[in-house]
Amino acid sequence: MTAPDRETIFAAAVRILLDVDRVVTVHYRDGTVSVQFPTTRRLAEHLGVPHYYVLPYCAEMERDGLIRRVERVGISTTPAGTRLLLGLMSSSHLTEAEAVIGGATFRELLKASGLKDVDR
């Protein structure tokens, strides 16, 4: 069993949000967009690794400014993390993202996060 890296964790988050939960919670705060991230336990379960394998990578992602963790609130993306998450959705899971979020809303999220619209 190998420990996941940040790309694997973000890819797992996309799959959980779009394929398992089929819900994406978006926060608009101070002119920025953030997305509610799955819990570390859900990420570990989805990846098939012990919970403690995911924790150091989440700490690293927080230190690198991709996510923020707030006690009793959960994990959400920062502007950089939002771009990474939405970029993964648009490049690898566009059909699912548009089905869950809605095409027009997804394009607005891309625009609000500083990403270019997806050409269809």
C-alpha atoms as a PDB file:
ATOM      1  CA  MET A   1       0.000   0.000   0.000  1.00  0.00           C
ATOM      2  CA  THR A   2       1.548   3.293  -1.062  1.00  0.00           C
ATOM      3  CA  ALA A   3       0.761   6.668   0.407  1.00  0.00           C
ATOM      4  CA  PRO A   4      -1.211   8.984  -1.876  1.00  0.00           C
ATOM      5  CA  ASP A   5       0.222  12.245  -3.188  1.00  0.00           C
ATOM      6  CA  ARG A   6      -1.612  15.544  -3.525  1.00  0.00           C
ATOM      7  CA  GLU A   7      -2.652  14.884  -7.151  1.00  0.00           C
ATOM      8  CA  THR A   8      -4.150  11.552  -6.109  1.00  0.00           C
ATOM      9  CA  ILE A   9      -5.985  13.216  -3.226  1.00  0.00           C
ATOM     10  CA  PHE A  10      -7.414  15.960  -5.456  1.00  0.00           C
ATOM     11  CA  ALA A  11      -8.457  13.346  -8.041  1.00  0.00           C
ATOM     12  CA  ALA A  12     -10.150  11.338  -5.276  1.00  0.00           C
ATOM     13  CA  ALA A  13     -11.934  14.485  -4.077  1.00  0.00           C
ATOM     14  CA  VAL A  14     -13.268  15.067  -7.605  1.00  0.00           C
ATOM     15  CA  ARG A  15     -14.524  11.484  -7.838  1.00  0.00           C
ATOM     16  CA  ILE A  16     -16.188  11.664  -4.407  1.00  0.00           C
ATOM     17  CA  LEU A  17     -17.878  14.984  -5.181  1.00  0.00           C
ATOM     18  CA  LEU A  18     -19.036  14.135  -8.707  1.00  0.00           C
ATOM     19  CA  ASP A  19     -19.498  10.360  -8.772  1.00  0.00           C
ATOM     20  CA  VAL A  20     -20.265   9.313  -5.193  1.00  0.00           C
ATOM     21  CA  ASP A  21     -22.000  12.259  -3.507  1.00  0.00           C
ATOM     22  CA  ARG A  22     -23.077  14.000  -6.726  1.00  0.00           C
ATOM     23  CA  VAL A  23     -22.999  17.264  -4.738  1.00  0.00           C
ATOM     24  CA  VAL A  24     -20.550  20.151  -4.935  1.00  0.00           C
ATOM     25  CA  THR A  25     -20.823  22.769  -2.192  1.00  0.00           C
ATOM     26  CA  VAL A  26     -19.478  26.156  -3.278  1.00  0.00           C
ATOM     27  CA  HIS A  27     -18.673  29.086  -1.022  1.00  0.00           C
ATOM     28  CA  TYR A  28     -18.368  32.666  -2.241  1.00  0.00           C
ATOM     29  CA  ARG A  29     -16.292  34.643   0.224  1.00  0.00           C
ATOM     30  CA  ASP A  30     -14.555  38.006  -0.107  1.00  0.00           C
ATOM     31  CA  GLY A  31     -14.635  37.883  -3.910  1.00  0.00           C
ATOM     32  CA  THR A  32     -13.236  34.345  -4.069  1.00  0.00           C
ATOM     33  CA  VAL A  33     -14.730  30.932  -4.728  1.00  0.00           C
ATOM     34  CA  SER A  34     -13.992  27.862  -2.633  1.00  0.00           C
ATOM     35  CA  VAL A  35     -15.284  24.309  -2.759  1.00  0.00           C
ATOM     36  CA  GLN A  36     -16.042  22.140   0.269  1.00  0.00           C
ATOM     37  CA  PHE A  37     -13.564  19.256   0.236  1.00  0.00           C
ATOM     38  CA  PRO A  38     -14.419  15.722   1.417  1.00  0.00           C
ATOM     39  CA  THR A  39     -13.254  14.838   4.921  1.00  0.00           C
ATOM     40  CA  THR A  40      -9.878  13.188   5.349  1.00  0.00           C
ATOM     41  CA  ARG A  41     -11.620  10.005   6.470  1.00  0.00           C
ATOM     42  CA  ARG A  42     -13.724   9.913   3.298  1.00  0.00           C
ATOM     43  CA  LEU A  43     -10.637  10.511   1.160  1.00  0.00           C
ATOM     44  CA  ALA A  44      -8.751   7.711   2.933  1.00  0.00           C
ATOM     45  CA  GLU A  45     -11.686   5.340   2.617  1.00  0.00           C
ATOM     46  CA  HIS A  46     -12.065   6.125  -1.093  1.00  0.00           C
ATOM     47  CA  LEU A  47      -8.335   5.610  -1.674  1.00  0.00           C
ATOM     48  CA  GLY A  48      -8.269   2.416   0.374  1.00  0.00           C
ATOM     49  CA  VAL A  49      -5.545   3.631   2.721  1.00  0.00           C
ATOM     50  CA  PRO A  50      -5.478   4.211   6.478  1.00  0.00           C
ATOM     51  CA  HIS A  51      -6.614   7.648   7.599  1.00  0.00           C
ATOM     52  CA  TYR A  52      -3.157   8.540   8.895  1.00  0.00           C
ATOM     53  CA  TYR A  53      -1.720   8.198   5.351  1.00  0.00           C
ATOM     54  CA  VAL A  54      -3.841  11.131   4.147  1.00  0.00           C
ATOM     55  CA  LEU A  55      -3.249  13.512   7.073  1.00  0.00           C
ATOM     56  CA  PRO A  56       0.351  14.543   6.242  1.00  0.00           C
ATOM     57  CA  TYR A  57      -0.601  15.337   2.651  1.00  0.00           C
ATOM     58  CA  CYS A  58      -3.516  17.467   3.804  1.00  0.00           C
ATOM     59  CA  ALA A  59      -1.154  19.318   6.154  1.00  0.00           C
ATOM     60  CA  GLU A  60       1.232  19.834   3.216  1.00  0.00           C
ATOM     61  CA  MET A  61      -1.598  21.046   0.965  1.00  0.00           C
ATOM     62  CA  GLU A  62      -2.689  23.470   3.693  1.00  0.00           C
ATOM     63  CA  ARG A  63       0.876  24.733   4.104  1.00  0.00           C
ATOM     64  CA  ASP A  64       1.151  25.125   0.298  1.00  0.00           C
ATOM     65  CA  GLY A  65      -2.051  27.179   0.195  1.00  0.00           C
ATOM     66  CA  LEU A  66      -4.316  24.715  -1.624  1.00  0.00           C
ATOM     67  CA  ILE A  67      -6.788  23.970   1.170  1.00  0.00           C
ATOM     68  CA  ARG A  68      -7.818  25.431   4.506  1.00  0.00           C
ATOM     69  CA  ARG A  69      -8.968  23.400   7.480  1.00  0.00           C
ATOM     70  CA  VAL A  70     -11.239  24.914  10.092  1.00  0.00           C
ATOM     71  CA  GLU A  71     -12.099  23.016  13.251  1.00  0.00           C
ATOM     72  CA  ARG A  72     -15.727  21.830  13.262  1.00  0.00           C
ATOM     73  CA  VAL A  73     -16.291  23.327   9.803  1.00  0.00           C
ATOM     74  CA  GLY A  74     -14.202  21.120   7.562  1.00  0.00           C
ATOM     75  CA  ILE A  75     -11.849  21.478   4.648  1.00  0.00           C
ATOM     76  CA  SER A  76     -12.336  23.831   1.728  1.00  0.00           C
ATOM     77  CA  THR A  77     -10.185  24.903  -1.164  1.00  0.00           C
ATOM     78  CA  THR A  78      -8.295  28.181  -1.335  1.00  0.00           C
ATOM     79  CA  PRO A  79      -8.299  30.119  -4.637  1.00  0.00           C
ATOM     80  CA  ALA A  80      -5.284  28.065  -5.811  1.00  0.00           C
ATOM     81  CA  GLY A  81      -6.927  24.822  -4.696  1.00  0.00           C
ATOM     82  CA  THR A  82     -10.186  25.809  -6.385  1.00  0.00           C
ATOM     83  CA  ARG A  83      -8.339  26.331  -9.673  1.00  0.00           C
ATOM     84  CA  LEU A  84      -6.692  22.922  -9.291  1.00  0.00           C
ATOM     85  CA  LEU A  85      -9.961  21.159  -8.420  1.00  0.00           C
ATOM     86  CA  LEU A  86     -12.029  22.840 -11.149  1.00  0.00           C
ATOM     87  CA  GLY A  87      -9.213  22.329 -13.638  1.00  0.00           C
ATOM     88  CA  LEU A  88      -9.303  18.589 -12.922  1.00  0.00           C
ATOM     89  CA  MET A  89     -13.065  18.595 -13.288  1.00  0.00           C
ATOM     90  CA  SER A  90     -12.953  20.407 -16.623  1.00  0.00           C
ATOM     91  CA  SER A  91     -10.116  18.333 -18.081  1.00  0.00           C
ATOM     92  CA  SER A  92     -11.091  14.848 -16.903  1.00  0.00           C
ATOM     93  CA  HIS A  93     -14.692  14.929 -15.652  1.00  0.00           C
ATOM     94  CA  LEU A  94     -16.437  17.604 -17.692  1.00  0.00           C
ATOM     95  CA  THR A  95     -19.598  15.622 -18.422  1.00  0.00           C
ATOM     96  CA  GLU A  96     -20.030  14.680 -14.761  1.00  0.00           C
ATOM     97  CA  ALA A  97     -19.254  18.230 -13.568  1.00  0.00           C
ATOM     98  CA  GLU A  98     -21.831  19.730 -15.906  1.00  0.00           C
ATOM     99  CA  ALA A  99     -24.408  17.113 -14.890  1.00  0.00           C
ATOM    100  CA  VAL A 100     -23.914  17.726 -11.152  1.00  0.00           C
ATOM    101  CA  ILE A 101     -23.246  21.474 -11.137  1.00  0.00           C
ATOM    102  CA  GLY A 102     -25.029  22.510 -14.320  1.00  0.00           C
ATOM    103  CA  GLY A 103     -23.267  23.666 -17.465  1.00  0.00           C
ATOM    104  CA  ALA A 104     -23.851  27.401 -17.056  1.00  0.00           C
ATOM    105  CA  THR A 105     -22.986  27.356 -13.352  1.00  0.00           C
ATOM    106  CA  PHE A 106     -19.820  25.344 -14.005  1.00  0.00           C
ATOM    107  CA  ARG A 107     -18.698  27.854 -16.662  1.00  0.00           C
ATOM    108  CA  GLU A 108     -19.313  30.696 -14.194  1.00  0.00           C
ATOM    109  CA  LEU A 109     -17.275  28.874 -11.546  1.00  0.00           C
ATOM    110  CA  LEU A 110     -14.419  28.445 -14.011  1.00  0.00           C
ATOM    111  CA  LYS A 111     -14.575  32.128 -14.855  1.00  0.00           C
ATOM    112  CA  ALA A 112     -14.794  33.215 -11.200  1.00  0.00           C
ATOM    113  CA  SER A 113     -11.770  31.089 -10.329  1.00  0.00           C
ATOM    114  CA  GLY A 114      -9.698  32.538 -13.171  1.00  0.00           C
ATOM    115  CA  LEU A 115      -9.840  29.519 -15.482  1.00  0.00           C
ATOM    116  CA  LYS A 116     -10.824  29.738 -19.118  1.00  0.00           C
ATOM    117  CA  ASP A 117     -14.171  28.451 -20.220  1.00  0.00           C
ATOM    118  CA  VAL A 118     -14.273  24.947 -21.647  1.00  0.00           C
ATOM    119  CA  ASP A 119     -14.612  24.757 -25.400  1.00  0.00           C
ATOM    120  CA  ARG A 120     -17.247  22.258 -26.479  1.00  0.00           C
END
